Amino acid sequence: RILFLTHAFNSLSQRLFAELSADGHRVSV
């Protein structure tokens, strides 16, 4: 379970969110 703590859901955050979710992690923002 990975929590993203981020200022905004920008291009970097979106890419990491999508890739880590595809890796099987459960990602919340």
PDB file of all heavy atoms in Angstrom:
ATOM      1  N   ARG A   1       0.863  -1.180   0.000  1.00  0.00           N
ATOM      2  CA  ARG A   1       0.000   0.000   0.000  1.00  0.00           C
ATOM      3  C   ARG A   1       0.898   1.227   0.000  1.00  0.00           C
ATOM      4  O   ARG A   1       1.706   1.420   0.920  1.00  0.00           O
ATOM      5  CB  ARG A   1      -0.913   0.022   1.228  1.00  0.00           C
ATOM      6  CG  ARG A   1      -1.995  -1.034   1.231  1.00  0.00           C
ATOM      7  CD  ARG A   1      -2.992  -0.825   2.369  1.00  0.00           C
ATOM      8  NE  ARG A   1      -2.363  -0.605   3.650  1.00  0.00           N
ATOM      9  CZ  ARG A   1      -1.787  -1.547   4.396  1.00  0.00           C
ATOM     10  NH1 ARG A   1      -1.750  -2.803   3.944  1.00  0.00           N
ATOM     11  NH2 ARG A   1      -1.256  -1.259   5.556  1.00  0.00           N
ATOM     12  N   ILE A   2       0.764   2.030  -1.031  1.00  0.00           N
ATOM     13  CA  ILE A   2       1.621   3.207  -1.198  1.00  0.00           C
ATOM     14  C   ILE A   2       0.746   4.444  -1.195  1.00  0.00           C
ATOM     15  O   ILE A   2      -0.195   4.553  -2.000  1.00  0.00           O
ATOM     16  CB  ILE A   2       2.425   3.132  -2.504  1.00  0.00           C
ATOM     17  CG1 ILE A   2       3.301   1.875  -2.531  1.00  0.00           C
ATOM     18  CG2 ILE A   2       3.281   4.391  -2.675  1.00  0.00           C
ATOM     19  CD1 ILE A   2       3.989   1.646  -3.863  1.00  0.00           C
ATOM     20  N   LEU A   3       1.033   5.363  -0.302  1.00  0.00           N
ATOM     21  CA  LEU A   3       0.324   6.635  -0.269  1.00  0.00           C
ATOM     22  C   LEU A   3       1.176   7.692  -0.958  1.00  0.00           C
ATOM     23  O   LEU A   3       2.323   7.907  -0.587  1.00  0.00           O
ATOM     24  CB  LEU A   3       0.047   7.067   1.171  1.00  0.00           C
ATOM     25  CG  LEU A   3      -0.649   8.431   1.321  1.00  0.00           C
ATOM     26  CD1 LEU A   3      -2.070   8.374   0.754  1.00  0.00           C
ATOM     27  CD2 LEU A   3      -0.663   8.892   2.773  1.00  0.00           C
ATOM     28  N   PHE A   4       0.624   8.317  -1.989  1.00  0.00           N
ATOM     29  CA  PHE A   4       1.274   9.461  -2.620  1.00  0.00           C
ATOM     30  C   PHE A   4       0.861  10.716  -1.844  1.00  0.00           C
ATOM     31  O   PHE A   4      -0.332  11.021  -1.745  1.00  0.00           O
ATOM     32  CB  PHE A   4       0.816   9.619  -4.068  1.00  0.00           C
ATOM     33  CG  PHE A   4       1.568   8.795  -5.064  1.00  0.00           C
ATOM     34  CD1 PHE A   4       2.341   7.716  -4.670  1.00  0.00           C
ATOM     35  CD2 PHE A   4       1.503   9.078  -6.422  1.00  0.00           C
ATOM     36  CE1 PHE A   4       3.027   6.947  -5.599  1.00  0.00           C
ATOM     37  CE2 PHE A   4       2.187   8.325  -7.362  1.00  0.00           C
ATOM     38  CZ  PHE A   4       2.954   7.252  -6.941  1.00  0.00           C
ATOM     39  N   LEU A   5       1.830  11.409  -1.306  1.00  0.00           N
ATOM     40  CA  LEU A   5       1.599  12.731  -0.729  1.00  0.00           C
ATOM     41  C   LEU A   5       2.209  13.724  -1.707  1.00  0.00           C
ATOM     42  O   LEU A   5       3.428  13.749  -1.896  1.00  0.00           O
ATOM     43  CB  LEU A   5       2.257  12.848   0.648  1.00  0.00           C
ATOM     44  CG  LEU A   5       2.006  14.143   1.429  1.00  0.00           C
ATOM     45  CD1 LEU A   5       0.518  14.346   1.672  1.00  0.00           C
ATOM     46  CD2 LEU A   5       2.767  14.130   2.742  1.00  0.00           C
ATOM     47  N   THR A   6       1.365  14.497  -2.377  1.00  0.00           N
ATOM     48  CA  THR A   6       1.843  15.311  -3.494  1.00  0.00           C
ATOM     49  C   THR A   6       1.119  16.646  -3.547  1.00  0.00           C
ATOM     50  O   THR A   6      -0.030  16.764  -3.096  1.00  0.00           O
ATOM     51  CB  THR A   6       1.662  14.550  -4.823  1.00  0.00           C
ATOM     52  OG1 THR A   6       2.198  15.294  -5.898  1.00  0.00           O
ATOM     53  CG2 THR A   6       0.190  14.245  -5.095  1.00  0.00           C
ATOM     54  N   HIS A   7       1.801  17.653  -4.074  1.00  0.00           N
ATOM     55  CA  HIS A   7       1.197  18.981  -4.197  1.00  0.00           C
ATOM     56  C   HIS A   7       0.083  18.983  -5.239  1.00  0.00           C
ATOM     57  O   HIS A   7      -0.924  19.682  -5.083  1.00  0.00           O
ATOM     58  CB  HIS A   7       2.276  20.004  -4.581  1.00  0.00           C
ATOM     59  CG  HIS A   7       1.751  21.383  -4.789  1.00  0.00           C
ATOM     60  ND1 HIS A   7       1.379  22.199  -3.737  1.00  0.00           N
ATOM     61  CD2 HIS A   7       1.510  22.099  -5.926  1.00  0.00           C
ATOM     62  CE1 HIS A   7       0.942  23.353  -4.220  1.00  0.00           C
ATOM     63  NE2 HIS A   7       1.011  23.318  -5.531  1.00  0.00           N
ATOM     64  N   ALA A   8       0.265  18.202  -6.299  1.00  0.00           N
ATOM     65  CA  ALA A   8      -0.733  18.120  -7.371  1.00  0.00           C
ATOM     66  C   ALA A   8      -0.531  16.814  -8.118  1.00  0.00           C
ATOM     67  O   ALA A   8       0.530  16.184  -8.034  1.00  0.00           O
ATOM     68  CB  ALA A   8      -0.610  19.309  -8.322  1.00  0.00           C
ATOM     69  N   PHE A   9      -1.545  16.410  -8.848  1.00  0.00           N
ATOM     70  CA  PHE A   9      -1.465  15.175  -9.636  1.00  0.00           C
ATOM     71  C   PHE A   9      -0.927  15.541 -11.016  1.00  0.00           C
ATOM     72  O   PHE A   9      -1.641  15.518 -12.017  1.00  0.00           O
ATOM     73  CB  PHE A   9      -2.846  14.548  -9.726  1.00  0.00           C
ATOM     74  CG  PHE A   9      -2.841  13.072 -10.041  1.00  0.00           C
ATOM     75  CD1 PHE A   9      -2.006  12.188  -9.379  1.00  0.00           C
ATOM     76  CD2 PHE A   9      -3.707  12.554 -10.992  1.00  0.00           C
ATOM     77  CE1 PHE A   9      -2.014  10.831  -9.656  1.00  0.00           C
ATOM     78  CE2 PHE A   9      -3.736  11.204 -11.280  1.00  0.00           C
ATOM     79  CZ  PHE A   9      -2.885  10.332 -10.617  1.00  0.00           C
ATOM     80  N   ASN A  10       0.362  15.880 -11.058  1.00  0.00           N
ATOM     81  CA  ASN A  10       0.985  16.362 -12.281  1.00  0.00           C
ATOM     82  C   ASN A  10       1.461  15.190 -13.143  1.00  0.00           C
ATOM     83  O   ASN A  10       1.168  14.024 -12.852  1.00  0.00           O
ATOM     84  CB  ASN A  10       2.130  17.321 -11.955  1.00  0.00           C
ATOM     85  CG  ASN A  10       3.286  16.640 -11.231  1.00  0.00           C
ATOM     86  OD1 ASN A  10       3.210  15.484 -10.831  1.00  0.00           O
ATOM     87  ND2 ASN A  10       4.371  17.367 -11.049  1.00  0.00           N
ATOM     88  N   SER A  11       2.207  15.502 -14.210  1.00  0.00           N
ATOM     89  CA  SER A  11       2.616  14.463 -15.156  1.00  0.00           C
ATOM     90  C   SER A  11       3.470  13.385 -14.494  1.00  0.00           C
ATOM     91  O   SER A  11       3.296  12.191 -14.774  1.00  0.00           O
ATOM     92  CB  SER A  11       3.375  15.090 -16.329  1.00  0.00           C
ATOM     93  OG  SER A  11       4.519  15.806 -15.873  1.00  0.00           O
ATOM     94  N   LEU A  12       4.378  13.784 -13.609  1.00  0.00           N
ATOM     95  CA  LEU A  12       5.215  12.810 -12.912  1.00  0.00           C
ATOM     96  C   LEU A  12       4.374  11.947 -11.981  1.00  0.00           C
ATOM     97  O   LEU A  12       4.497  10.715 -11.966  1.00  0.00           O
ATOM     98  CB  LEU A  12       6.304  13.538 -12.128  1.00  0.00           C
ATOM     99  CG  LEU A  12       7.150  12.685 -11.183  1.00  0.00           C
ATOM    100  CD1 LEU A  12       7.875  11.587 -11.938  1.00  0.00           C
ATOM    101  CD2 LEU A  12       8.145  13.561 -10.419  1.00  0.00           C
ATOM    102  N   SER A  13       3.493  12.564 -11.207  1.00  0.00           N
ATOM    103  CA  SER A  13       2.650  11.812 -10.286  1.00  0.00           C
ATOM    104  C   SER A  13       1.755  10.834 -11.040  1.00  0.00           C
ATOM    105  O   SER A  13       1.563   9.688 -10.607  1.00  0.00           O
ATOM    106  CB  SER A  13       1.792  12.772  -9.461  1.00  0.00           C
ATOM    107  OG  SER A  13       2.588  13.684  -8.738  1.00  0.00           O
ATOM    108  N   GLN A  14       1.209  11.269 -12.165  1.00  0.00           N
ATOM    109  CA  GLN A  14       0.333  10.394 -12.944  1.00  0.00           C
ATOM    110  C   GLN A  14       1.090   9.190 -13.485  1.00  0.00           C
ATOM    111  O   GLN A  14       0.593   8.062 -13.447  1.00  0.00           O
ATOM    112  CB  GLN A  14      -0.304  11.175 -14.095  1.00  0.00           C
ATOM    113  CG  GLN A  14      -1.338  12.180 -13.659  1.00  0.00           C
ATOM    114  CD  GLN A  14      -2.077  12.794 -14.831  1.00  0.00           C
ATOM    115  OE1 GLN A  14      -2.267  12.166 -15.863  1.00  0.00           O
ATOM    116  NE2 GLN A  14      -2.503  14.033 -14.685  1.00  0.00           N
ATOM    117  N   ARG A  15       2.284   9.425 -14.013  1.00  0.00           N
ATOM    118  CA  ARG A  15       3.075   8.317 -14.562  1.00  0.00           C
ATOM    119  C   ARG A  15       3.423   7.319 -13.456  1.00  0.00           C
ATOM    120  O   ARG A  15       3.276   6.094 -13.642  1.00  0.00           O
ATOM    121  CB  ARG A  15       4.335   8.872 -15.214  1.00  0.00           C
ATOM    122  CG  ARG A  15       5.326   7.805 -15.712  1.00  0.00           C
ATOM    123  CD  ARG A  15       4.939   7.207 -17.036  1.00  0.00           C
ATOM    124  NE  ARG A  15       5.872   6.168 -17.452  1.00  0.00           N
ATOM    125  CZ  ARG A  15       7.066   6.402 -18.030  1.00  0.00           C
ATOM    126  NH1 ARG A  15       7.451   7.651 -18.281  1.00  0.00           N
ATOM    127  NH2 ARG A  15       7.843   5.399 -18.387  1.00  0.00           N
ATOM    128  N   LEU A  16       3.890   7.813 -12.321  1.00  0.00           N
ATOM    129  CA  LEU A  16       4.243   6.914 -11.222  1.00  0.00           C
ATOM    130  C   LEU A  16       3.003   6.165 -10.721  1.00  0.00           C
ATOM    131  O   LEU A  16       3.057   4.963 -10.449  1.00  0.00           O
ATOM    132  CB  LEU A  16       4.878   7.703 -10.077  1.00  0.00           C
ATOM    133  CG  LEU A  16       6.274   8.271 -10.317  1.00  0.00           C
ATOM    134  CD1 LEU A  16       6.738   9.062  -9.112  1.00  0.00           C
ATOM    135  CD2 LEU A  16       7.280   7.174 -10.638  1.00  0.00           C
ATOM    136  N   PHE A  17       1.881   6.864 -10.598  1.00  0.00           N
ATOM    137  CA  PHE A  17       0.641   6.242 -10.152  1.00  0.00           C
ATOM    138  C   PHE A  17       0.260   5.090 -11.086  1.00  0.00           C
ATOM    139  O   PHE A  17      -0.043   3.977 -10.637  1.00  0.00           O
ATOM    140  CB  PHE A  17      -0.467   7.289 -10.117  1.00  0.00           C
ATOM    141  CG  PHE A  17      -1.826   6.757  -9.747  1.00  0.00           C
ATOM    142  CD1 PHE A  17      -2.255   6.772  -8.431  1.00  0.00           C
ATOM    143  CD2 PHE A  17      -2.681   6.244 -10.717  1.00  0.00           C
ATOM    144  CE1 PHE A  17      -3.504   6.282  -8.083  1.00  0.00           C
ATOM    145  CE2 PHE A  17      -3.934   5.750 -10.379  1.00  0.00           C
ATOM    146  CZ  PHE A  17      -4.345   5.762  -9.065  1.00  0.00           C
ATOM    147  N   ALA A  18       0.280   5.354 -12.386  1.00  0.00           N
ATOM    148  CA  ALA A  18      -0.129   4.339 -13.355  1.00  0.00           C
ATOM    149  C   ALA A  18       0.846   3.170 -13.394  1.00  0.00           C
ATOM    150  O   ALA A  18       0.436   1.997 -13.445  1.00  0.00           O
ATOM    151  CB  ALA A  18      -0.259   4.972 -14.744  1.00  0.00           C
ATOM    152  N   GLU A  19       2.129   3.466 -13.364  1.00  0.00           N
ATOM    153  CA  GLU A  19       3.139   2.400 -13.451  1.00  0.00           C
ATOM    154  C   GLU A  19       3.149   1.539 -12.187  1.00  0.00           C
ATOM    155  O   GLU A  19       3.209   0.307 -12.269  1.00  0.00           O
ATOM    156  CB  GLU A  19       4.528   3.010 -13.678  1.00  0.00           C
ATOM    157  CG  GLU A  19       4.704   3.728 -15.017  1.00  0.00           C
ATOM    158  CD  GLU A  19       5.073   2.800 -16.153  1.00  0.00           C
ATOM    159  OE1 GLU A  19       5.033   1.562 -15.959  1.00  0.00           O
ATOM    160  OE2 GLU A  19       5.413   3.308 -17.240  1.00  0.00           O
ATOM    161  N   LEU A  20       3.106   2.161 -11.017  1.00  0.00           N
ATOM    162  CA  LEU A  20       3.153   1.385  -9.775  1.00  0.00           C
ATOM    163  C   LEU A  20       1.866   0.594  -9.581  1.00  0.00           C
ATOM    164  O   LEU A  20       1.889  -0.520  -9.039  1.00  0.00           O
ATOM    165  CB  LEU A  20       3.404   2.317  -8.584  1.00  0.00           C
ATOM    166  CG  LEU A  20       4.744   3.057  -8.595  1.00  0.00           C
ATOM    167  CD1 LEU A  20       4.915   3.870  -7.321  1.00  0.00           C
ATOM    168  CD2 LEU A  20       5.920   2.099  -8.782  1.00  0.00           C
ATOM    169  N   SER A  21       0.743   1.149 -10.021  1.00  0.00           N
ATOM    170  CA  SER A  21      -0.505   0.390  -9.975  1.00  0.00           C
ATOM    171  C   SER A  21      -0.409  -0.827 -10.883  1.00  0.00           C
ATOM    172  O   SER A  21      -0.858  -1.922 -10.518  1.00  0.00           O
ATOM    173  CB  SER A  21      -1.684   1.270 -10.391  1.00  0.00           C
ATOM    174  OG  SER A  21      -1.861   2.354  -9.497  1.00  0.00           O
ATOM    175  N   ALA A  22       0.182  -0.648 -12.073  1.00  0.00           N
ATOM    176  CA  ALA A  22       0.373  -1.770 -12.992  1.00  0.00           C
ATOM    177  C   ALA A  22       1.323  -2.815 -12.412  1.00  0.00           C
ATOM    178  O   ALA A  22       1.214  -4.006 -12.735  1.00  0.00           O
ATOM    179  CB  ALA A  22       0.898  -1.262 -14.337  1.00  0.00           C
ATOM    180  N   ASP A  23       2.249  -2.376 -11.548  1.00  0.00           N
ATOM    181  CA  ASP A  23       3.179  -3.309 -10.900  1.00  0.00           C
ATOM    182  C   ASP A  23       2.500  -4.137  -9.818  1.00  0.00           C
ATOM    183  O   ASP A  23       3.116  -5.051  -9.256  1.00  0.00           O
ATOM    184  CB  ASP A  23       4.346  -2.538 -10.273  1.00  0.00           C
ATOM    185  CG  ASP A  23       5.293  -1.950 -11.316  1.00  0.00           C
ATOM    186  OD1 ASP A  23       5.198  -2.339 -12.493  1.00  0.00           O
ATOM    187  OD2 ASP A  23       6.122  -1.098 -10.947  1.00  0.00           O
ATOM    188  N   GLY A  24       1.250  -3.801  -9.486  1.00  0.00           N
ATOM    189  CA  GLY A  24       0.522  -4.563  -8.479  1.00  0.00           C
ATOM    190  C   GLY A  24       0.389  -3.881  -7.139  1.00  0.00           C
ATOM    191  O   GLY A  24      -0.230  -4.438  -6.222  1.00  0.00           O
ATOM    192  N   HIS A  25       0.937  -2.689  -6.996  1.00  0.00           N
ATOM    193  CA  HIS A  25       0.805  -1.959  -5.736  1.00  0.00           C
ATOM    194  C   HIS A  25      -0.566  -1.301  -5.652  1.00  0.00           C
ATOM    195  O   HIS A  25      -1.186  -0.985  -6.677  1.00  0.00           O
ATOM    196  CB  HIS A  25       1.891  -0.889  -5.620  1.00  0.00           C
ATOM    197  CG  HIS A  25       3.286  -1.438  -5.663  1.00  0.00           C
ATOM    198  ND1 HIS A  25       3.801  -2.234  -4.668  1.00  0.00           N
ATOM    199  CD2 HIS A  25       4.268  -1.307  -6.597  1.00  0.00           C
ATOM    200  CE1 HIS A  25       5.053  -2.566  -4.979  1.00  0.00           C
ATOM    201  NE2 HIS A  25       5.357  -2.021  -6.144  1.00  0.00           N
ATOM    202  N   ARG A  26      -1.028  -1.073  -4.443  1.00  0.00           N
ATOM    203  CA  ARG A  26      -2.279  -0.337  -4.246  1.00  0.00           C
ATOM    204  C   ARG A  26      -1.900   1.093  -3.883  1.00  0.00           C
ATOM    205  O   ARG A  26      -1.334   1.344  -2.818  1.00  0.00           O
ATOM    206  CB  ARG A  26      -3.114  -0.964  -3.149  1.00  0.00           C
ATOM    207  CG  ARG A  26      -4.519  -0.394  -3.087  1.00  0.00           C
ATOM    208  CD  ARG A  26      -5.476  -1.343  -2.411  1.00  0.00           C
ATOM    209  NE  ARG A  26      -6.858  -0.997  -2.718  1.00  0.00           N
ATOM    210  CZ  ARG A  26      -7.895  -1.661  -2.233  1.00  0.00           C
ATOM    211  NH1 ARG A  26      -7.719  -2.706  -1.455  1.00  0.00           N
ATOM    212  NH2 ARG A  26      -9.133  -1.299  -2.542  1.00  0.00           N
ATOM    213  N   VAL A  27      -2.205   2.005  -4.788  1.00  0.00           N
ATOM    214  CA  VAL A  27      -1.747   3.383  -4.644  1.00  0.00           C
ATOM    215  C   VAL A  27      -2.936   4.295  -4.373  1.00  0.00           C
ATOM    216  O   VAL A  27      -3.938   4.260  -5.095  1.00  0.00           O
ATOM    217  CB  VAL A  27      -1.006   3.874  -5.909  1.00  0.00           C
ATOM    218  CG1 VAL A  27      -0.435   5.275  -5.680  1.00  0.00           C
ATOM    219  CG2 VAL A  27       0.107   2.903  -6.290  1.00  0.00           C
ATOM    220  N   SER A  28      -2.820   5.097  -3.323  1.00  0.00           N
ATOM    221  CA  SER A  28      -3.813   6.110  -3.016  1.00  0.00           C
ATOM    222  C   SER A  28      -3.117   7.456  -2.948  1.00  0.00           C
ATOM    223  O   SER A  28      -1.910   7.525  -2.679  1.00  0.00           O
ATOM    224  CB  SER A  28      -4.509   5.796  -1.690  1.00  0.00           C
ATOM    225  OG  SER A  28      -5.641   6.632  -1.497  1.00  0.00           O
ATOM    226  N   VAL A  29      -3.866   8.523  -3.213  1.00  0.00           N
ATOM    227  CA  VAL A  29      -3.272   9.854  -3.340  1.00  0.00           C
ATOM    228  C   VAL A  29      -3.913  10.810  -2.348  1.00  0.00           C
ATOM    229  O   VAL A  29      -5.136  10.790  -2.153  1.00  0.00           O
ATOM    230  CB  VAL A  29      -3.466  10.404  -4.774  1.00  0.00           C
ATOM    231  CG1 VAL A  29      -2.870  11.805  -4.906  1.00  0.00           C
ATOM    232  CG2 VAL A  29      -2.854   9.454  -5.803  1.00  0.00           C
TER     233      VAL A  29
END
